[in-house]
């Protein structure tokens, strides 16, 4: 980030010294560095992590959400997708159009098994 800011400052100085070509090159390099730095914080994959008692689901383009298996109220896998409703959380439908069918089936199986095993405890 610091190098990108330095590049913009250098581009501004060169611009005021009438070195337009060098100023443009520095500005392009600085913008590229900002672009690269901003991409480091973005996730490009969906991820699910779970333990014995809870699950956290991180979806690309959506917020991360999580809940304990005891809080799970409704779980339904249908033609539209996977519907998840938990206490204190808005209902979420993971569409079959957006997510692979296998991943929805795997997530449904994990949630079903973990919820059942937590009910026994």
PDB file of N, CA and C in Angstrom:
ATOM      1  N   UNK A   1       0.831  -1.185   0.000  1.00  0.00           N
ATOM      2  CA  UNK A   1       0.000   0.000   0.000  1.00  0.00           C
ATOM      3  C   UNK A   1       0.879   1.254   0.000  1.00  0.00           C
ATOM      4  N   UNK A   2       1.952   1.210   0.796  1.00  0.00           N
ATOM      5  CA  UNK A   2       2.844   2.363   0.882  1.00  0.00           C
ATOM      6  C   UNK A   2       3.527   2.663  -0.439  1.00  0.00           C
ATOM      7  N   UNK A   3       3.887   1.611  -1.152  1.00  0.00           N
ATOM      8  CA  UNK A   3       4.548   1.783  -2.446  1.00  0.00           C
ATOM      9  C   UNK A   3       3.588   2.405  -3.465  1.00  0.00           C
ATOM     10  N   UNK A   4       2.328   2.037  -3.394  1.00  0.00           N
ATOM     11  CA  UNK A   4       1.328   2.603  -4.301  1.00  0.00           C
ATOM     12  C   UNK A   4       1.131   4.091  -4.018  1.00  0.00           C
ATOM     13  N   UNK A   5       1.086   4.459  -2.738  1.00  0.00           N
ATOM     14  CA  UNK A   5       0.949   5.877  -2.377  1.00  0.00           C
ATOM     15  C   UNK A   5       2.179   6.669  -2.803  1.00  0.00           C
ATOM     16  N   UNK A   6       3.350   6.084  -2.634  1.00  0.00           N
ATOM     17  CA  UNK A   6       4.585   6.731  -3.070  1.00  0.00           C
ATOM     18  C   UNK A   6       4.564   6.944  -4.587  1.00  0.00           C
ATOM     19  N   UNK A   7       4.072   5.960  -5.313  1.00  0.00           N
ATOM     20  CA  UNK A   7       3.964   6.080  -6.770  1.00  0.00           C
ATOM     21  C   UNK A   7       3.024   7.196  -7.189  1.00  0.00           C
ATOM     22  N   UNK A   8       1.908   7.352  -6.480  1.00  0.00           N
ATOM     23  CA  UNK A   8       0.981   8.449  -6.791  1.00  0.00           C
ATOM     24  C   UNK A   8       1.604   9.804  -6.475  1.00  0.00           C
ATOM     25  N   UNK A   9       2.324   9.885  -5.366  1.00  0.00           N
ATOM     26  CA  UNK A   9       2.992  11.141  -5.011  1.00  0.00           C
ATOM     27  C   UNK A   9       4.043  11.491  -6.063  1.00  0.00           C
ATOM     28  N   UNK A  10       4.815  10.496  -6.482  1.00  0.00           N
ATOM     29  CA  UNK A  10       5.825  10.715  -7.516  1.00  0.00           C
ATOM     30  C   UNK A  10       5.175  11.132  -8.835  1.00  0.00           C
ATOM     31  N   UNK A  11       4.045  10.533  -9.162  1.00  0.00           N
ATOM     32  CA  UNK A  11       3.322  10.898 -10.388  1.00  0.00           C
ATOM     33  C   UNK A  11       2.862  12.350 -10.325  1.00  0.00           C
ATOM     34  N   UNK A  12       2.387  12.793  -9.165  1.00  0.00           N
ATOM     35  CA  UNK A  12       1.941  14.182  -9.011  1.00  0.00           C
ATOM     36  C   UNK A  12       3.118  15.146  -9.152  1.00  0.00           C
ATOM     37  N   UNK A  13       4.245  14.810  -8.537  1.00  0.00           N
ATOM     38  CA  UNK A  13       5.433  15.672  -8.629  1.00  0.00           C
ATOM     39  C   UNK A  13       5.905  15.765 -10.075  1.00  0.00           C
ATOM     40  N   UNK A  14       5.986  14.635 -10.756  1.00  0.00           N
ATOM     41  CA  UNK A  14       6.417  14.634 -12.159  1.00  0.00           C
ATOM     42  C   UNK A  14       5.438  15.392 -13.051  1.00  0.00           C
ATOM     43  N   UNK A  15       4.156  15.330 -12.729  1.00  0.00           N
ATOM     44  CA  UNK A  15       3.146  16.058 -13.504  1.00  0.00           C
ATOM     45  C   UNK A  15       3.382  17.566 -13.396  1.00  0.00           C
ATOM     46  N   UNK A  16       3.652  18.032 -12.167  1.00  0.00           N
ATOM     47  CA  UNK A  16       3.880  19.466 -11.973  1.00  0.00           C
ATOM     48  C   UNK A  16       5.222  19.923 -12.539  1.00  0.00           C
ATOM     49  N   UNK A  17       6.147  19.010 -12.771  1.00  0.00           N
ATOM     50  CA  UNK A  17       7.427  19.335 -13.402  1.00  0.00           C
ATOM     51  C   UNK A  17       7.360  19.190 -14.925  1.00  0.00           C
ATOM     52  N   UNK A  18       6.158  18.998 -15.448  1.00  0.00           N
ATOM     53  CA  UNK A  18       5.898  18.853 -16.888  1.00  0.00           C
ATOM     54  C   UNK A  18       6.526  17.605 -17.496  1.00  0.00           C
ATOM     55  N   UNK A  19       6.710  16.576 -16.714  1.00  0.00           N
ATOM     56  CA  UNK A  19       7.178  15.286 -17.220  1.00  0.00           C
ATOM     57  C   UNK A  19       5.950  14.379 -17.322  1.00  0.00           C
ATOM     58  N   UNK A  20       5.089  14.707 -18.276  1.00  0.00           N
ATOM     59  CA  UNK A  20       3.782  14.066 -18.402  1.00  0.00           C
ATOM     60  C   UNK A  20       3.905  12.562 -18.662  1.00  0.00           C
ATOM     61  N   UNK A  21       4.802  12.168 -19.538  1.00  0.00           N
ATOM     62  CA  UNK A  21       4.955  10.749 -19.861  1.00  0.00           C
ATOM     63  C   UNK A  21       5.382   9.952 -18.630  1.00  0.00           C
ATOM     64  N   UNK A  22       6.391  10.439 -17.920  1.00  0.00           N
ATOM     65  CA  UNK A  22       6.851   9.742 -16.710  1.00  0.00           C
ATOM     66  C   UNK A  22       5.777   9.761 -15.618  1.00  0.00           C
ATOM     67  N   UNK A  23       5.049  10.857 -15.558  1.00  0.00           N
ATOM     68  CA  UNK A  23       3.958  10.967 -14.586  1.00  0.00           C
ATOM     69  C   UNK A  23       2.882   9.922 -14.865  1.00  0.00           C
ATOM     70  N   UNK A  24       2.543   9.757 -16.128  1.00  0.00           N
ATOM     71  CA  UNK A  24       1.521   8.770 -16.510  1.00  0.00           C
ATOM     72  C   UNK A  24       1.977   7.350 -16.196  1.00  0.00           C
ATOM     73  N   UNK A  25       3.238   7.062 -16.451  1.00  0.00           N
ATOM     74  CA  UNK A  25       3.774   5.726 -16.163  1.00  0.00           C
ATOM     75  C   UNK A  25       3.728   5.450 -14.663  1.00  0.00           C
ATOM     76  N   UNK A  26       4.148   6.422 -13.851  1.00  0.00           N
ATOM     77  CA  UNK A  26       4.103   6.253 -12.387  1.00  0.00           C
ATOM     78  C   UNK A  26       2.671   6.073 -11.898  1.00  0.00           C
ATOM     79  N   UNK A  27       1.750   6.835 -12.473  1.00  0.00           N
ATOM     80  CA  UNK A  27       0.344   6.723 -12.066  1.00  0.00           C
ATOM     81  C   UNK A  27      -0.210   5.342 -12.418  1.00  0.00           C
ATOM     82  N   UNK A  28       0.105   4.825 -13.601  1.00  0.00           N
ATOM     83  CA  UNK A  28      -0.359   3.493 -13.992  1.00  0.00           C
ATOM     84  C   UNK A  28       0.214   2.406 -13.084  1.00  0.00           C
ATOM     85  N   UNK A  29       1.475   2.529 -12.745  1.00  0.00           N
ATOM     86  CA  UNK A  29       2.089   1.553 -11.836  1.00  0.00           C
ATOM     87  C   UNK A  29       1.434   1.627 -10.459  1.00  0.00           C
ATOM     88  N   UNK A  30       1.181   2.840  -9.966  1.00  0.00           N
ATOM     89  CA  UNK A  30       0.547   3.008  -8.657  1.00  0.00           C
ATOM     90  C   UNK A  30      -0.866   2.430  -8.646  1.00  0.00           C
ATOM     91  N   UNK A  31      -1.617   2.677  -9.706  1.00  0.00           N
ATOM     92  CA  UNK A  31      -2.984   2.139  -9.796  1.00  0.00           C
ATOM     93  C   UNK A  31      -2.949   0.617  -9.841  1.00  0.00           C
ATOM     94  N   UNK A  32      -1.997   0.061 -10.571  1.00  0.00           N
ATOM     95  CA  UNK A  32      -1.848  -1.398 -10.620  1.00  0.00           C
ATOM     96  C   UNK A  32      -1.524  -1.959  -9.239  1.00  0.00           C
ATOM     97  N   UNK A  33      -0.661  -1.289  -8.498  1.00  0.00           N
ATOM     98  CA  UNK A  33      -0.326  -1.733  -7.142  1.00  0.00           C
ATOM     99  C   UNK A  33      -1.541  -1.670  -6.215  1.00  0.00           C
ATOM    100  N   UNK A  34      -2.356  -0.604  -6.339  1.00  0.00           N
ATOM    101  CA  UNK A  34      -3.590  -0.530  -5.552  1.00  0.00           C
ATOM    102  C   UNK A  34      -4.511  -1.693  -5.898  1.00  0.00           C
ATOM    103  N   UNK A  35      -4.625  -1.996  -7.176  1.00  0.00           N
ATOM    104  CA  UNK A  35      -5.483  -3.087  -7.640  1.00  0.00           C
ATOM    105  C   UNK A  35      -5.016  -4.431  -7.072  1.00  0.00           C
ATOM    106  N   UNK A  36      -3.727  -4.673  -7.123  1.00  0.00           N
ATOM    107  CA  UNK A  36      -3.173  -5.930  -6.598  1.00  0.00           C
ATOM    108  C   UNK A  36      -3.383  -6.020  -5.089  1.00  0.00           C
ATOM    109  N   UNK A  37      -3.147  -4.923  -4.373  1.00  0.00           N
ATOM    110  CA  UNK A  37      -3.336  -4.914  -2.918  1.00  0.00           C
ATOM    111  C   UNK A  37      -4.788  -5.140  -2.528  1.00  0.00           C
ATOM    112  N   UNK A  38      -5.716  -4.593  -3.288  1.00  0.00           N
ATOM    113  CA  UNK A  38      -7.129  -4.746  -2.933  1.00  0.00           C
ATOM    114  C   UNK A  38      -7.607  -6.171  -3.172  1.00  0.00           C
ATOM    115  N   UNK A  39      -7.002  -6.877  -4.109  1.00  0.00           N
ATOM    116  CA  UNK A  39      -7.429  -8.246  -4.399  1.00  0.00           C
ATOM    117  C   UNK A  39      -6.955  -9.251  -3.361  1.00  0.00           C
ATOM    118  N   UNK A  40      -5.940  -8.910  -2.583  1.00  0.00           N
ATOM    119  CA  UNK A  40      -5.432  -9.836  -1.578  1.00  0.00           C
ATOM    120  C   UNK A  40      -6.460 -10.130  -0.497  1.00  0.00           C
ATOM    121  N   UNK A  41      -7.369  -9.180  -0.222  1.00  0.00           N
ATOM    122  CA  UNK A  41      -8.352  -9.354   0.838  1.00  0.00           C
ATOM    123  C   UNK A  41      -9.625 -10.043   0.402  1.00  0.00           C
ATOM    124  N   UNK A  42      -9.787 -10.302  -0.876  1.00  0.00           N
ATOM    125  CA  UNK A  42     -11.014 -10.905  -1.371  1.00  0.00           C
ATOM    126  C   UNK A  42     -10.886 -12.417  -1.473  1.00  0.00           C
ATOM    127  N   UNK A  43     -11.937 -13.081  -1.091  1.00  0.00           N
ATOM    128  CA  UNK A  43     -11.978 -14.538  -1.214  1.00  0.00           C
ATOM    129  C   UNK A  43     -12.601 -14.881  -2.562  1.00  0.00           C
ATOM    130  N   UNK A  44     -12.080 -15.891  -3.214  1.00  0.00           N
ATOM    131  CA  UNK A  44     -12.637 -16.282  -4.502  1.00  0.00           C
ATOM    132  C   UNK A  44     -13.269 -17.664  -4.444  1.00  0.00           C
ATOM    133  N   UNK A  45     -13.365 -18.219  -3.239  1.00  0.00           N
ATOM    134  CA  UNK A  45     -13.953 -19.548  -3.093  1.00  0.00           C
ATOM    135  C   UNK A  45     -14.913 -19.558  -1.918  1.00  0.00           C
ATOM    136  N   UNK A  46     -15.898 -20.415  -2.027  1.00  0.00           N
ATOM    137  CA  UNK A  46     -16.788 -20.654  -0.901  1.00  0.00           C
ATOM    138  C   UNK A  46     -16.071 -21.573   0.074  1.00  0.00           C
ATOM    139  N   UNK A  47     -16.349 -21.386   1.359  1.00  0.00           N
ATOM    140  CA  UNK A  47     -15.730 -22.281   2.331  1.00  0.00           C
ATOM    141  C   UNK A  47     -16.692 -22.571   3.472  1.00  0.00           C
ATOM    142  N   UNK A  48     -16.566 -23.768   3.999  1.00  0.00           N
ATOM    143  CA  UNK A  48     -17.372 -24.210   5.131  1.00  0.00           C
ATOM    144  C   UNK A  48     -16.421 -24.801   6.157  1.00  0.00           C
ATOM    145  N   UNK A  49     -16.543 -24.330   7.385  1.00  0.00           N
ATOM    146  CA  UNK A  49     -15.765 -24.942   8.464  1.00  0.00           C
ATOM    147  C   UNK A  49     -16.725 -25.264   9.598  1.00  0.00           C
ATOM    148  N   UNK A  50     -16.536 -26.426  10.188  1.00  0.00           N
ATOM    149  CA  UNK A  50     -17.447 -26.837  11.248  1.00  0.00           C
ATOM    150  C   UNK A  50     -16.703 -27.605  12.319  1.00  0.00           C
ATOM    151  N   UNK A  51     -17.308 -27.600  13.505  1.00  0.00           N
ATOM    152  CA  UNK A  51     -16.762 -28.345  14.639  1.00  0.00           C
ATOM    153  C   UNK A  51     -17.859 -29.283  15.135  1.00  0.00           C
ATOM    154  N   UNK A  52     -17.712 -29.780  16.330  1.00  0.00           N
ATOM    155  CA  UNK A  52     -18.737 -30.673  16.880  1.00  0.00           C
ATOM    156  C   UNK A  52     -20.050 -29.951  17.147  1.00  0.00           C
ATOM    157  N   UNK A  53     -19.977 -28.638  17.437  1.00  0.00           N
ATOM    158  CA  UNK A  53     -21.176 -27.924  17.866  1.00  0.00           C
ATOM    159  C   UNK A  53     -21.662 -26.835  16.918  1.00  0.00           C
ATOM    160  N   UNK A  54     -20.809 -26.345  16.022  1.00  0.00           N
ATOM    161  CA  UNK A  54     -21.207 -25.206  15.196  1.00  0.00           C
ATOM    162  C   UNK A  54     -20.627 -25.289  13.789  1.00  0.00           C
ATOM    163  N   UNK A  55     -21.135 -24.396  12.937  1.00  0.00           N
ATOM    164  CA  UNK A  55     -20.681 -24.328  11.543  1.00  0.00           C
ATOM    165  C   UNK A  55     -20.562 -22.865  11.135  1.00  0.00           C
ATOM    166  N   UNK A  56     -19.586 -22.566  10.288  1.00  0.00           N
ATOM    167  CA  UNK A  56     -19.415 -21.242   9.711  1.00  0.00           C
ATOM    168  C   UNK A  56     -19.343 -21.411   8.198  1.00  0.00           C
ATOM    169  N   UNK A  57     -20.156 -20.633   7.492  1.00  0.00           N
ATOM    170  CA  UNK A  57     -20.224 -20.724   6.033  1.00  0.00           C
ATOM    171  C   UNK A  57     -19.838 -19.365   5.456  1.00  0.00           C
ATOM    172  N   UNK A  58     -18.812 -19.347   4.607  1.00  0.00           N
ATOM    173  CA  UNK A  58     -18.357 -18.126   3.966  1.00  0.00           C
ATOM    174  C   UNK A  58     -18.612 -18.269   2.469  1.00  0.00           C
ATOM    175  N   UNK A  59     -19.476 -17.415   1.942  1.00  0.00           N
ATOM    176  CA  UNK A  59     -19.860 -17.497   0.541  1.00  0.00           C
ATOM    177  C   UNK A  59     -19.339 -16.291  -0.224  1.00  0.00           C
ATOM    178  N   UNK A  60     -18.848 -16.518  -1.424  1.00  0.00           N
ATOM    179  CA  UNK A  60     -18.375 -15.437  -2.269  1.00  0.00           C
ATOM    180  C   UNK A  60     -19.570 -14.561  -2.633  1.00  0.00           C
ATOM    181  N   UNK A  61     -19.421 -13.261  -2.491  1.00  0.00           N
ATOM    182  CA  UNK A  61     -20.491 -12.337  -2.831  1.00  0.00           C
ATOM    183  C   UNK A  61     -21.553 -12.193  -1.764  1.00  0.00           C
ATOM    184  N   UNK A  62     -21.419 -12.885  -0.653  1.00  0.00           N
ATOM    185  CA  UNK A  62     -22.362 -12.800   0.461  1.00  0.00           C
ATOM    186  C   UNK A  62     -21.573 -12.688   1.740  1.00  0.00           C
ATOM    187  N   UNK A  63     -22.269 -12.367   2.789  1.00  0.00           N
ATOM    188  CA  UNK A  63     -21.586 -12.294   4.080  1.00  0.00           C
ATOM    189  C   UNK A  63     -21.336 -13.688   4.649  1.00  0.00           C
ATOM    190  N   UNK A  64     -20.483 -13.729   5.618  1.00  0.00           N
ATOM    191  CA  UNK A  64     -20.212 -14.963   6.345  1.00  0.00           C
ATOM    192  C   UNK A  64     -21.264 -15.130   7.428  1.00  0.00           C
ATOM    193  N   UNK A  65     -21.761 -16.339   7.590  1.00  0.00           N
ATOM    194  CA  UNK A  65     -22.718 -16.584   8.662  1.00  0.00           C
ATOM    195  C   UNK A  65     -22.416 -17.918   9.316  1.00  0.00           C
ATOM    196  N   UNK A  66     -22.852 -18.040  10.541  1.00  0.00           N
ATOM    197  CA  UNK A  66     -22.614 -19.268  11.276  1.00  0.00           C
ATOM    198  C   UNK A  66     -23.645 -19.451  12.367  1.00  0.00           C
ATOM    199  N   UNK A  67     -23.739 -20.658  12.869  1.00  0.00           N
ATOM    200  CA  UNK A  67     -24.700 -20.970  13.919  1.00  0.00           C
ATOM    201  C   UNK A  67     -24.314 -22.291  14.559  1.00  0.00           C
ATOM    202  N   UNK A  68     -24.880 -22.541  15.738  1.00  0.00           N
ATOM    203  CA  UNK A  68     -24.672 -23.843  16.365  1.00  0.00           C
ATOM    204  C   UNK A  68     -25.711 -24.803  15.803  1.00  0.00           C
ATOM    205  N   UNK A  69     -25.408 -26.068  15.835  1.00  0.00           N
ATOM    206  CA  UNK A  69     -26.323 -27.063  15.265  1.00  0.00           C
ATOM    207  C   UNK A  69     -27.629 -27.146  16.047  1.00  0.00           C
ATOM    208  N   UNK A  70     -27.585 -26.812  17.323  1.00  0.00           N
ATOM    209  CA  UNK A  70     -28.810 -26.823  18.131  1.00  0.00           C
ATOM    210  C   UNK A  70     -29.766 -25.706  17.730  1.00  0.00           C
ATOM    211  N   UNK A  71     -29.248 -24.624  17.138  1.00  0.00           N
ATOM    212  CA  UNK A  71     -30.070 -23.492  16.719  1.00  0.00           C
ATOM    213  C   UNK A  71     -30.763 -23.725  15.378  1.00  0.00           C
ATOM    214  N   UNK A  72     -30.373 -24.738  14.643  1.00  0.00           N
ATOM    215  CA  UNK A  72     -30.937 -24.994  13.317  1.00  0.00           C
ATOM    216  C   UNK A  72     -32.414 -25.346  13.429  1.00  0.00           C
ATOM    217  N   UNK A  73     -33.270 -24.560  12.768  1.00  0.00           N
ATOM    218  CA  UNK A  73     -34.716 -24.772  12.823  1.00  0.00           C
ATOM    219  C   UNK A  73     -35.240 -25.520  11.603  1.00  0.00           C
ATOM    220  N   UNK A  74     -34.837 -25.070  10.409  1.00  0.00           N
ATOM    221  CA  UNK A  74     -35.337 -25.676   9.169  1.00  0.00           C
ATOM    222  C   UNK A  74     -34.161 -25.936   8.233  1.00  0.00           C
ATOM    223  N   UNK A  75     -34.150 -27.134   7.664  1.00  0.00           N
ATOM    224  CA  UNK A  75     -33.143 -27.523   6.682  1.00  0.00           C
ATOM    225  C   UNK A  75     -33.861 -28.301   5.597  1.00  0.00           C
ATOM    226  N   UNK A  76     -33.824 -27.781   4.358  1.00  0.00           N
ATOM    227  CA  UNK A  76     -34.569 -28.424   3.284  1.00  0.00           C
ATOM    228  C   UNK A  76     -33.776 -28.349   1.983  1.00  0.00           C
ATOM    229  N   UNK A  77     -33.564 -29.488   1.370  1.00  0.00           N
ATOM    230  CA  UNK A  77     -32.917 -29.559   0.066  1.00  0.00           C
ATOM    231  C   UNK A  77     -33.993 -29.869  -0.959  1.00  0.00           C
ATOM    232  N   UNK A  78     -34.237 -28.917  -1.867  1.00  0.00           N
ATOM    233  CA  UNK A  78     -35.294 -29.086  -2.866  1.00  0.00           C
ATOM    234  C   UNK A  78     -34.741 -28.763  -4.252  1.00  0.00           C
ATOM    235  N   UNK A  79     -35.629 -28.708  -5.229  1.00  0.00           N
ATOM    236  CA  UNK A  79     -35.229 -28.373  -6.600  1.00  0.00           C
ATOM    237  C   UNK A  79     -34.683 -26.950  -6.693  1.00  0.00           C
ATOM    238  N   UNK A  80     -35.184 -26.047  -5.839  1.00  0.00           N
ATOM    239  CA  UNK A  80     -34.718 -24.658  -5.857  1.00  0.00           C
ATOM    240  C   UNK A  80     -33.324 -24.518  -5.262  1.00  0.00           C
ATOM    241  N   UNK A  81     -33.019 -25.352  -4.269  1.00  0.00           N
ATOM    242  CA  UNK A  81     -31.721 -25.264  -3.617  1.00  0.00           C
ATOM    243  C   UNK A  81     -31.806 -25.691  -2.167  1.00  0.00           C
ATOM    244  N   UNK A  82     -30.824 -25.266  -1.391  1.00  0.00           N
ATOM    245  CA  UNK A  82     -30.752 -25.622   0.022  1.00  0.00           C
ATOM    246  C   UNK A  82     -31.261 -24.452   0.851  1.00  0.00           C
ATOM    247  N   UNK A  83     -32.304 -24.700   1.635  1.00  0.00           N
ATOM    248  CA  UNK A  83     -32.920 -23.689   2.497  1.00  0.00           C
ATOM    249  C   UNK A  83     -32.444 -23.929   3.924  1.00  0.00           C
ATOM    250  N   UNK A  84     -31.877 -22.884   4.541  1.00  0.00           N
ATOM    251  CA  UNK A  84     -31.361 -22.984   5.909  1.00  0.00           C
ATOM    252  C   UNK A  84     -31.983 -21.877   6.743  1.00  0.00           C
ATOM    253  N   UNK A  85     -32.591 -22.247   7.852  1.00  0.00           N
ATOM    254  CA  UNK A  85     -33.159 -21.278   8.793  1.00  0.00           C
ATOM    255  C   UNK A  85     -32.683 -21.652  10.184  1.00  0.00           C
ATOM    256  N   UNK A  86     -32.105 -20.667  10.862  1.00  0.00           N
ATOM    257  CA  UNK A  86     -31.590 -20.878  12.208  1.00  0.00           C
ATOM    258  C   UNK A  86     -32.107 -19.768  13.112  1.00  0.00           C
ATOM    259  N   UNK A  87     -32.156 -20.037  14.410  1.00  0.00           N
ATOM    260  CA  UNK A  87     -32.616 -19.035  15.377  1.00  0.00           C
ATOM    261  C   UNK A  87     -31.727 -17.797  15.301  1.00  0.00           C
ATOM    262  N   UNK A  88     -32.380 -16.626  15.276  1.00  0.00           N
ATOM    263  CA  UNK A  88     -31.647 -15.370  15.265  1.00  0.00           C
ATOM    264  C   UNK A  88     -30.984 -15.033  13.945  1.00  0.00           C
ATOM    265  N   UNK A  89     -31.320 -15.744  12.891  1.00  0.00           N
ATOM    266  CA  UNK A  89     -30.692 -15.528  11.591  1.00  0.00           C
ATOM    267  C   UNK A  89     -31.770 -15.494  10.514  1.00  0.00           C
ATOM    268  N   UNK A  90     -31.600 -14.626   9.529  1.00  0.00           N
ATOM    269  CA  UNK A  90     -32.511 -14.627   8.389  1.00  0.00           C
ATOM    270  C   UNK A  90     -32.348 -15.934   7.624  1.00  0.00           C
ATOM    271  N   UNK A  91     -33.430 -16.381   7.023  1.00  0.00           N
ATOM    272  CA  UNK A  91     -33.379 -17.609   6.224  1.00  0.00           C
ATOM    273  C   UNK A  91     -32.476 -17.395   5.008  1.00  0.00           C
ATOM    274  N   UNK A  92     -31.752 -18.441   4.640  1.00  0.00           N
ATOM    275  CA  UNK A  92     -30.831 -18.384   3.502  1.00  0.00           C
ATOM    276  C   UNK A  92     -31.179 -19.513   2.547  1.00  0.00           C
ATOM    277  N   UNK A  93     -31.299 -19.190   1.266  1.00  0.00           N
ATOM    278  CA  UNK A  93     -31.490 -20.209   0.239  1.00  0.00           C
ATOM    279  C   UNK A  93     -30.277 -20.188  -0.679  1.00  0.00           C
ATOM    280  N   UNK A  94     -29.587 -21.298  -0.739  1.00  0.00           N
ATOM    281  CA  UNK A  94     -28.447 -21.443  -1.633  1.00  0.00           C
ATOM    282  C   UNK A  94     -28.956 -22.083  -2.917  1.00  0.00           C
ATOM    283  N   UNK A  95     -29.022 -21.298  -3.970  1.00  0.00           N
ATOM    284  CA  UNK A  95     -29.639 -21.706  -5.228  1.00  0.00           C
ATOM    285  C   UNK A  95     -28.814 -22.744  -5.981  1.00  0.00           C
ATOM    286  N   UNK A  96     -29.513 -23.676  -6.614  1.00  0.00           N
ATOM    287  CA  UNK A  96     -28.833 -24.671  -7.453  1.00  0.00           C
ATOM    288  C   UNK A  96     -28.234 -24.018  -8.695  1.00  0.00           C
ATOM    289  N   UNK A  97     -28.757 -22.875  -9.087  1.00  0.00           N
ATOM    290  CA  UNK A  97     -28.218 -22.172 -10.246  1.00  0.00           C
ATOM    291  C   UNK A  97     -26.831 -21.604  -9.948  1.00  0.00           C
ATOM    292  N   UNK A  98     -26.621 -21.214  -8.702  1.00  0.00           N
ATOM    293  CA  UNK A  98     -25.365 -20.561  -8.341  1.00  0.00           C
ATOM    294  C   UNK A  98     -24.316 -21.519  -7.786  1.00  0.00           C
ATOM    295  N   UNK A  99     -24.749 -22.546  -7.075  1.00  0.00           N
ATOM    296  CA  UNK A  99     -23.821 -23.472  -6.431  1.00  0.00           C
ATOM    297  C   UNK A  99     -23.954 -24.854  -7.050  1.00  0.00           C
ATOM    298  N   UNK A 100     -22.868 -25.581  -7.091  1.00  0.00           N
ATOM    299  CA  UNK A 100     -22.885 -26.923  -7.668  1.00  0.00           C
ATOM    300  C   UNK A 100     -23.773 -27.846  -6.846  1.00  0.00           C
ATOM    301  N   UNK A 101     -24.452 -28.722  -7.548  1.00  0.00           N
ATOM    302  CA  UNK A 101     -25.383 -29.646  -6.900  1.00  0.00           C
ATOM    303  C   UNK A 101     -24.683 -30.521  -5.864  1.00  0.00           C
ATOM    304  N   UNK A 102     -23.480 -30.992  -6.194  1.00  0.00           N
ATOM    305  CA  UNK A 102     -22.730 -31.845  -5.260  1.00  0.00           C
ATOM    306  C   UNK A 102     -22.408 -31.115  -3.961  1.00  0.00           C
ATOM    307  N   UNK A 103     -22.020 -29.844  -4.078  1.00  0.00           N
ATOM    308  CA  UNK A 103     -21.657 -29.102  -2.869  1.00  0.00           C
ATOM    309  C   UNK A 103     -22.878 -28.855  -1.988  1.00  0.00           C
ATOM    310  N   UNK A 104     -24.036 -28.614  -2.597  1.00  0.00           N
ATOM    311  CA  UNK A 104     -25.261 -28.439  -1.805  1.00  0.00           C
ATOM    312  C   UNK A 104     -25.648 -29.739  -1.114  1.00  0.00           C
ATOM    313  N   UNK A 105     -25.507 -30.846  -1.814  1.00  0.00           N
ATOM    314  CA  UNK A 105     -25.824 -32.151  -1.226  1.00  0.00           C
ATOM    315  C   UNK A 105     -24.870 -32.463  -0.076  1.00  0.00           C
ATOM    316  N   UNK A 106     -23.589 -32.179  -0.261  1.00  0.00           N
ATOM    317  CA  UNK A 106     -22.607 -32.419   0.802  1.00  0.00           C
ATOM    318  C   UNK A 106     -22.894 -31.558   2.024  1.00  0.00           C
ATOM    319  N   UNK A 107     -23.209 -30.278   1.796  1.00  0.00           N
ATOM    320  CA  UNK A 107     -23.517 -29.384   2.909  1.00  0.00           C
ATOM    321  C   UNK A 107     -24.778 -29.845   3.635  1.00  0.00           C
ATOM    322  N   UNK A 108     -25.788 -30.276   2.889  1.00  0.00           N
ATOM    323  CA  UNK A 108     -27.027 -30.781   3.483  1.00  0.00           C
ATOM    324  C   UNK A 108     -26.735 -32.009   4.346  1.00  0.00           C
ATOM    325  N   UNK A 109     -25.910 -32.908   3.841  1.00  0.00           N
ATOM    326  CA  UNK A 109     -25.551 -34.120   4.590  1.00  0.00           C
ATOM    327  C   UNK A 109     -24.810 -33.771   5.881  1.00  0.00           C
ATOM    328  N   UNK A 110     -23.857 -32.860   5.788  1.00  0.00           N
ATOM    329  CA  UNK A 110     -23.104 -32.444   6.978  1.00  0.00           C
ATOM    330  C   UNK A 110     -24.039 -31.845   8.015  1.00  0.00           C
ATOM    331  N   UNK A 111     -24.901 -30.933   7.581  1.00  0.00           N
ATOM    332  CA  UNK A 111     -25.820 -30.282   8.520  1.00  0.00           C
ATOM    333  C   UNK A 111     -26.775 -31.286   9.153  1.00  0.00           C
ATOM    334  N   UNK A 112     -27.268 -32.203   8.341  1.00  0.00           N
ATOM    335  CA  UNK A 112     -28.214 -33.205   8.852  1.00  0.00           C
ATOM    336  C   UNK A 112     -27.540 -34.118   9.879  1.00  0.00           C
ATOM    337  N   UNK A 113     -26.348 -34.607   9.555  1.00  0.00           N
ATOM    338  CA  UNK A 113     -25.625 -35.506  10.462  1.00  0.00           C
ATOM    339  C   UNK A 113     -25.246 -34.809  11.764  1.00  0.00           C
ATOM    340  N   UNK A 114     -24.725 -33.606  11.658  1.00  0.00           N
ATOM    341  CA  UNK A 114     -24.291 -32.882  12.852  1.00  0.00           C
ATOM    342  C   UNK A 114     -25.478 -32.486  13.726  1.00  0.00           C
ATOM    343  N   UNK A 115     -26.585 -32.106  13.105  1.00  0.00           N
ATOM    344  CA  UNK A 115     -27.773 -31.745  13.877  1.00  0.00           C
ATOM    345  C   UNK A 115     -28.306 -32.963  14.611  1.00  0.00           C
ATOM    346  N   UNK A 116     -28.342 -34.099  13.931  1.00  0.00           N
ATOM    347  CA  UNK A 116     -28.819 -35.342  14.551  1.00  0.00           C
ATOM    348  C   UNK A 116     -27.907 -35.762  15.701  1.00  0.00           C
ATOM    349  N   UNK A 117     -26.597 -35.675  15.497  1.00  0.00           N
ATOM    350  CA  UNK A 117     -25.673 -36.084  16.556  1.00  0.00           C
ATOM    351  C   UNK A 117     -25.733 -35.134  17.756  1.00  0.00           C
ATOM    352  N   UNK A 118     -26.037 -33.857  17.525  1.00  0.00           N
ATOM    353  CA  UNK A 118     -26.155 -32.910  18.630  1.00  0.00           C
ATOM    354  C   UNK A 118     -27.466 -33.068  19.380  1.00  0.00           C
ATOM    355  N   UNK A 119     -28.501 -33.577  18.718  1.00  0.00           N
ATOM    356  CA  UNK A 119     -29.780 -33.817  19.393  1.00  0.00           C
ATOM    357  C   UNK A 119     -29.655 -34.973  20.373  1.00  0.00           C
ATOM    358  N   UNK A 120     -28.788 -35.922  20.063  1.00  0.00           N
ATOM    359  CA  UNK A 120     -28.602 -37.085  20.939  1.00  0.00           C
ATOM    360  C   UNK A 120     -27.878 -36.720  22.233  1.00  0.00           C
ATOM    361  N   UNK A 121     -27.112 -35.669  22.198  1.00  0.00           N
ATOM    362  CA  UNK A 121     -26.311 -35.288  23.380  1.00  0.00           C
ATOM    363  C   UNK A 121     -27.142 -34.611  24.421  1.00  0.00           C
TER     364      UNK A 121
END
